[in-house]
Amino acid sequence: MWSATTAEALYDVFDQQFPQVRWRDVLPLEEATAFAQSQGAYFPQPQHAEGLALVQGSQGVVLLGDAAHAFPPDLGQGVNSALQDVVALYDALEECVTSFPEWLALWNPSHL
């Protein structure tokens, strides 16, 4: 389908792949032409927060998942990045020495 550059080529592909639909009746020629000639789209680069942990005194906040990474929703990376963050968080807890600020300094999921 992606190699079809004309409406007729697109109709041919659709007719072969989905013969149960009368494509020339349901898909107007103008729309088929526009689709066949379109260049498609691209996904923007994911963004992330620069500081994923904030420490003030003996207290702090950690950002995980969607709070730390801004992915377009159609990429489906939100849950995956959140799970990777949890693994990094767990690893930092395993290495934790004594204090919360020290633990937060160990936790840095930006390498994921």
N, C-alpha and C. Protein backbone atom coordinates (compact mmCIF):
# COMPACT_ATOMS: atom_id res chain seq x y z
N MET A 1 0.82 -1.18 0.00
CA MET A 1 0.00 0.00 0.00
C MET A 1 0.86 1.25 0.00
N TRP A 2 1.97 1.23 0.72
CA TRP A 2 2.80 2.43 0.83
C TRP A 2 3.57 2.72 -0.45
N SER A 3 3.66 1.74 -1.34
CA SER A 3 4.36 1.97 -2.60
C SER A 3 3.43 2.51 -3.69
N ALA A 4 2.13 2.52 -3.43
CA ALA A 4 1.17 3.04 -4.42
C ALA A 4 1.26 4.56 -4.45
N THR A 5 1.55 5.11 -5.63
CA THR A 5 1.70 6.56 -5.75
C THR A 5 0.58 7.21 -6.57
N THR A 6 -0.35 6.39 -7.04
CA THR A 6 -1.50 6.92 -7.75
C THR A 6 -2.77 6.33 -7.15
N ALA A 7 -3.88 6.97 -7.42
CA ALA A 7 -5.16 6.48 -6.91
C ALA A 7 -5.46 5.08 -7.46
N GLU A 8 -5.19 4.86 -8.74
CA GLU A 8 -5.46 3.55 -9.34
C GLU A 8 -4.62 2.46 -8.70
N ALA A 9 -3.35 2.75 -8.44
CA ALA A 9 -2.48 1.77 -7.78
C ALA A 9 -2.99 1.48 -6.37
N LEU A 10 -3.47 2.52 -5.68
CA LEU A 10 -4.01 2.34 -4.33
C LEU A 10 -5.28 1.49 -4.38
N TYR A 11 -6.17 1.79 -5.31
CA TYR A 11 -7.37 0.97 -5.48
C TYR A 11 -7.00 -0.49 -5.75
N ASP A 12 -6.00 -0.72 -6.58
CA ASP A 12 -5.58 -2.09 -6.89
C ASP A 12 -5.11 -2.82 -5.63
N VAL A 13 -4.31 -2.14 -4.83
CA VAL A 13 -3.83 -2.75 -3.59
C VAL A 13 -5.00 -3.06 -2.67
N PHE A 14 -5.89 -2.09 -2.49
CA PHE A 14 -7.05 -2.30 -1.62
C PHE A 14 -7.94 -3.43 -2.15
N ASP A 15 -8.14 -3.47 -3.47
CA ASP A 15 -8.96 -4.53 -4.06
C ASP A 15 -8.36 -5.91 -3.80
N GLN A 16 -7.04 -6.01 -3.86
CA GLN A 16 -6.37 -7.30 -3.61
C GLN A 16 -6.41 -7.67 -2.13
N GLN A 17 -6.18 -6.70 -1.26
CA GLN A 17 -6.09 -6.98 0.17
C GLN A 17 -7.45 -7.08 0.85
N PHE A 18 -8.42 -6.29 0.36
CA PHE A 18 -9.74 -6.24 0.99
C PHE A 18 -10.83 -6.34 -0.09
N PRO A 19 -10.96 -7.51 -0.72
CA PRO A 19 -11.89 -7.64 -1.85
C PRO A 19 -13.36 -7.49 -1.47
N GLN A 20 -13.68 -7.57 -0.22
CA GLN A 20 -15.07 -7.49 0.21
C GLN A 20 -15.63 -6.06 0.14
N VAL A 21 -14.77 -5.06 -0.07
CA VAL A 21 -15.19 -3.66 -0.12
C VAL A 21 -15.11 -3.16 -1.56
N ARG A 22 -16.10 -2.42 -1.96
CA ARG A 22 -16.09 -1.81 -3.31
C ARG A 22 -15.41 -0.44 -3.16
N TRP A 23 -14.10 -0.43 -3.27
CA TRP A 23 -13.30 0.75 -2.93
C TRP A 23 -13.61 1.96 -3.79
N ARG A 24 -13.86 1.77 -5.05
CA ARG A 24 -14.14 2.93 -5.93
C ARG A 24 -15.47 3.59 -5.57
N ASP A 25 -16.34 2.84 -4.87
CA ASP A 25 -17.62 3.40 -4.43
C ASP A 25 -17.51 4.11 -3.08
N VAL A 26 -16.64 3.60 -2.20
CA VAL A 26 -16.58 4.16 -0.85
C VAL A 26 -15.43 5.14 -0.63
N LEU A 27 -14.41 5.08 -1.49
CA LEU A 27 -13.27 5.98 -1.36
C LEU A 27 -13.20 6.88 -2.59
N PRO A 28 -13.60 8.15 -2.43
CA PRO A 28 -13.61 9.05 -3.58
C PRO A 28 -12.22 9.18 -4.22
N LEU A 29 -12.21 9.37 -5.52
CA LEU A 29 -10.97 9.47 -6.29
C LEU A 29 -10.05 10.56 -5.72
N GLU A 30 -10.62 11.69 -5.32
CA GLU A 30 -9.80 12.79 -4.79
C GLU A 30 -9.07 12.38 -3.51
N GLU A 31 -9.77 11.65 -2.63
CA GLU A 31 -9.15 11.20 -1.39
C GLU A 31 -8.11 10.13 -1.63
N ALA A 32 -8.39 9.22 -2.54
CA ALA A 32 -7.42 8.17 -2.87
C ALA A 32 -6.17 8.79 -3.48
N THR A 33 -6.34 9.80 -4.32
CA THR A 33 -5.20 10.50 -4.93
C THR A 33 -4.39 11.21 -3.86
N ALA A 34 -5.06 11.92 -2.97
CA ALA A 34 -4.36 12.65 -1.90
C ALA A 34 -3.58 11.68 -1.00
N PHE A 35 -4.19 10.55 -0.68
CA PHE A 35 -3.51 9.56 0.17
C PHE A 35 -2.30 8.98 -0.54
N ALA A 36 -2.45 8.62 -1.80
CA ALA A 36 -1.36 8.01 -2.56
C ALA A 36 -0.19 8.97 -2.75
N GLN A 37 -0.49 10.26 -2.85
CA GLN A 37 0.57 11.24 -3.08
C GLN A 37 1.15 11.82 -1.80
N SER A 38 0.55 11.51 -0.67
CA SER A 38 1.05 12.08 0.59
C SER A 38 2.42 11.49 0.95
N GLN A 39 3.18 12.25 1.67
CA GLN A 39 4.52 11.82 2.09
C GLN A 39 4.52 11.20 3.47
N GLY A 40 3.38 11.15 4.12
CA GLY A 40 3.31 10.58 5.46
C GLY A 40 3.71 11.60 6.50
N ALA A 41 3.93 11.13 7.68
CA ALA A 41 4.27 12.01 8.79
C ALA A 41 5.52 11.48 9.48
N TYR A 42 5.96 12.20 10.46
CA TYR A 42 7.11 11.75 11.25
C TYR A 42 6.78 11.99 12.72
N PHE A 43 7.47 11.27 13.57
CA PHE A 43 7.27 11.42 15.00
C PHE A 43 8.29 12.41 15.54
N PRO A 44 7.87 13.32 16.40
CA PRO A 44 8.85 14.24 17.00
C PRO A 44 9.74 13.48 17.98
N GLN A 45 10.89 14.04 18.26
CA GLN A 45 11.80 13.42 19.22
C GLN A 45 11.15 13.44 20.61
N PRO A 46 11.23 12.32 21.35
CA PRO A 46 10.71 12.34 22.72
C PRO A 46 11.46 13.37 23.56
N GLN A 47 10.77 13.93 24.53
CA GLN A 47 11.36 14.91 25.41
C GLN A 47 11.42 14.33 26.82
N HIS A 48 12.32 14.83 27.63
CA HIS A 48 12.38 14.37 29.01
C HIS A 48 12.75 15.55 29.91
N ALA A 49 12.39 15.40 31.15
CA ALA A 49 12.72 16.42 32.12
C ALA A 49 14.21 16.35 32.44
N GLU A 50 14.84 17.50 32.59
CA GLU A 50 16.28 17.52 32.89
C GLU A 50 16.56 17.02 34.30
N GLY A 51 15.78 17.46 35.25
CA GLY A 51 15.98 17.02 36.63
C GLY A 51 14.90 16.04 37.02
N LEU A 52 15.26 14.79 37.25
CA LEU A 52 14.26 13.77 37.56
C LEU A 52 14.13 13.53 39.06
N ALA A 53 14.92 14.25 39.83
CA ALA A 53 14.83 14.12 41.28
C ALA A 53 15.16 15.47 41.90
N LEU A 54 14.46 15.79 42.96
CA LEU A 54 14.68 17.04 43.68
C LEU A 54 14.85 16.70 45.14
N VAL A 55 15.93 17.18 45.74
CA VAL A 55 16.19 16.93 47.16
C VAL A 55 16.24 18.25 47.89
N GLN A 56 15.52 18.33 48.99
CA GLN A 56 15.60 19.48 49.89
C GLN A 56 15.69 18.93 51.30
N GLY A 57 16.85 19.10 51.87
CA GLY A 57 17.08 18.54 53.20
C GLY A 57 17.08 17.04 53.14
N SER A 58 16.24 16.41 53.95
CA SER A 58 16.17 14.94 53.97
C SER A 58 14.96 14.44 53.19
N GLN A 59 14.27 15.31 52.45
CA GLN A 59 13.10 14.91 51.68
C GLN A 59 13.35 15.14 50.19
N GLY A 60 12.56 14.50 49.37
CA GLY A 60 12.74 14.68 47.94
C GLY A 60 11.58 14.13 47.14
N VAL A 61 11.64 14.39 45.86
CA VAL A 61 10.61 13.94 44.92
C VAL A 61 11.32 13.30 43.73
N VAL A 62 10.76 12.22 43.24
CA VAL A 62 11.31 11.51 42.08
C VAL A 62 10.24 11.47 40.99
N LEU A 63 10.63 11.77 39.76
CA LEU A 63 9.71 11.69 38.63
C LEU A 63 9.92 10.36 37.90
N LEU A 64 8.81 9.70 37.57
CA LEU A 64 8.84 8.43 36.84
C LEU A 64 7.86 8.48 35.68
N GLY A 65 8.06 7.63 34.70
CA GLY A 65 7.09 7.44 33.64
C GLY A 65 6.73 8.70 32.88
N ASP A 66 5.42 8.94 32.72
CA ASP A 66 4.94 10.08 31.94
C ASP A 66 5.36 11.42 32.54
N ALA A 67 5.57 11.46 33.84
CA ALA A 67 6.02 12.71 34.47
C ALA A 67 7.45 13.04 34.08
N ALA A 68 8.22 12.03 33.73
CA ALA A 68 9.63 12.23 33.40
C ALA A 68 9.90 12.23 31.90
N HIS A 69 9.03 11.61 31.12
CA HIS A 69 9.24 11.46 29.68
C HIS A 69 7.98 11.86 28.93
N ALA A 70 8.09 12.69 27.96
CA ALA A 70 6.94 13.11 27.15
C ALA A 70 7.01 12.46 25.78
N PHE A 71 6.29 11.38 25.60
CA PHE A 71 6.24 10.69 24.32
C PHE A 71 4.91 11.00 23.65
N PRO A 72 4.88 11.10 22.34
CA PRO A 72 3.58 11.20 21.68
C PRO A 72 2.77 9.94 22.00
N PRO A 73 1.47 10.07 22.24
CA PRO A 73 0.68 8.91 22.68
C PRO A 73 0.65 7.75 21.70
N ASP A 74 0.84 8.01 20.42
CA ASP A 74 0.76 6.91 19.47
C ASP A 74 2.04 6.08 19.38
N LEU A 75 3.08 6.48 20.10
CA LEU A 75 4.30 5.67 20.12
C LEU A 75 4.20 4.52 21.11
N GLY A 76 3.33 4.65 22.10
CA GLY A 76 3.15 3.57 23.07
C GLY A 76 4.36 3.33 23.95
N GLN A 77 5.15 4.36 24.21
CA GLN A 77 6.35 4.19 25.02
C GLN A 77 6.15 4.55 26.49
N GLY A 78 5.02 5.14 26.85
CA GLY A 78 4.81 5.60 28.21
C GLY A 78 4.98 4.50 29.24
N VAL A 79 4.28 3.38 29.04
CA VAL A 79 4.37 2.27 29.99
C VAL A 79 5.76 1.66 29.97
N ASN A 80 6.35 1.52 28.78
CA ASN A 80 7.69 0.93 28.69
C ASN A 80 8.72 1.78 29.43
N SER A 81 8.67 3.09 29.22
CA SER A 81 9.65 3.95 29.91
C SER A 81 9.39 3.97 31.41
N ALA A 82 8.13 3.89 31.82
CA ALA A 82 7.82 3.85 33.25
C ALA A 82 8.40 2.59 33.89
N LEU A 83 8.27 1.46 33.19
CA LEU A 83 8.82 0.20 33.73
C LEU A 83 10.35 0.25 33.78
N GLN A 84 10.98 0.85 32.77
CA GLN A 84 12.42 1.01 32.80
C GLN A 84 12.84 1.91 33.96
N ASP A 85 12.05 2.95 34.22
CA ASP A 85 12.33 3.82 35.37
C ASP A 85 12.25 3.06 36.68
N VAL A 86 11.27 2.18 36.79
CA VAL A 86 11.13 1.40 38.02
C VAL A 86 12.34 0.49 38.22
N VAL A 87 12.84 -0.10 37.14
CA VAL A 87 14.04 -0.95 37.23
C VAL A 87 15.23 -0.11 37.68
N ALA A 88 15.40 1.07 37.09
CA ALA A 88 16.51 1.95 37.50
C ALA A 88 16.35 2.38 38.96
N LEU A 89 15.12 2.65 39.35
CA LEU A 89 14.85 3.03 40.74
C LEU A 89 15.20 1.89 41.69
N TYR A 90 14.81 0.68 41.32
CA TYR A 90 15.13 -0.50 42.13
C TYR A 90 16.64 -0.69 42.25
N ASP A 91 17.35 -0.55 41.12
CA ASP A 91 18.81 -0.70 41.15
C ASP A 91 19.45 0.33 42.08
N ALA A 92 18.94 1.55 42.04
CA ALA A 92 19.48 2.59 42.92
C ALA A 92 19.19 2.26 44.38
N LEU A 93 18.00 1.72 44.65
CA LEU A 93 17.68 1.33 46.04
C LEU A 93 18.60 0.21 46.52
N GLU A 94 18.94 -0.71 45.63
CA GLU A 94 19.84 -1.80 45.98
C GLU A 94 21.23 -1.29 46.36
N GLU A 95 21.66 -0.20 45.70
CA GLU A 95 22.99 0.36 45.96
C GLU A 95 22.97 1.40 47.06
N CYS A 96 21.80 1.72 47.56
CA CYS A 96 21.64 2.80 48.54
C CYS A 96 22.54 2.57 49.76
N VAL A 97 23.19 3.63 50.13
CA VAL A 97 24.08 3.53 51.28
C VAL A 97 23.33 3.86 52.56
N THR A 98 23.10 5.11 52.84
CA THR A 98 22.45 5.41 54.10
C THR A 98 21.36 6.47 54.04
N SER A 99 21.49 7.46 53.20
CA SER A 99 20.55 8.57 53.27
C SER A 99 19.74 8.72 51.99
N PHE A 100 18.58 9.32 52.15
CA PHE A 100 17.70 9.57 51.01
C PHE A 100 18.37 10.44 49.95
N PRO A 101 19.01 11.56 50.30
CA PRO A 101 19.70 12.36 49.28
C PRO A 101 20.78 11.57 48.54
N GLU A 102 21.47 10.70 49.26
CA GLU A 102 22.51 9.89 48.63
C GLU A 102 21.87 8.90 47.65
N TRP A 103 20.75 8.35 48.03
CA TRP A 103 20.02 7.43 47.17
C TRP A 103 19.54 8.14 45.91
N LEU A 104 18.99 9.35 46.05
CA LEU A 104 18.51 10.09 44.89
C LEU A 104 19.65 10.43 43.93
N ALA A 105 20.82 10.66 44.47
CA ALA A 105 21.97 10.94 43.61
C ALA A 105 22.34 9.72 42.77
N LEU A 106 22.09 8.53 43.29
CA LEU A 106 22.38 7.29 42.55
C LEU A 106 21.34 7.05 41.45
N TRP A 107 20.12 7.49 41.68
CA TRP A 107 19.05 7.20 40.74
C TRP A 107 19.05 8.19 39.60
N ASN A 108 19.33 7.71 38.39
CA ASN A 108 19.34 8.58 37.24
C ASN A 108 18.91 7.78 36.01
N PRO A 109 17.61 7.79 35.68
CA PRO A 109 17.15 6.98 34.56
C PRO A 109 17.43 7.60 33.19
N SER A 110 18.14 8.69 33.14
CA SER A 110 18.36 9.36 31.85
C SER A 110 19.20 8.48 30.90
N HIS A 111 19.89 7.49 31.43
CA HIS A 111 20.68 6.63 30.56
C HIS A 111 19.82 5.57 29.87
N LEU A 112 18.55 5.46 30.24
CA LEU A 112 17.67 4.44 29.65
C LEU A 112 17.24 4.84 28.27
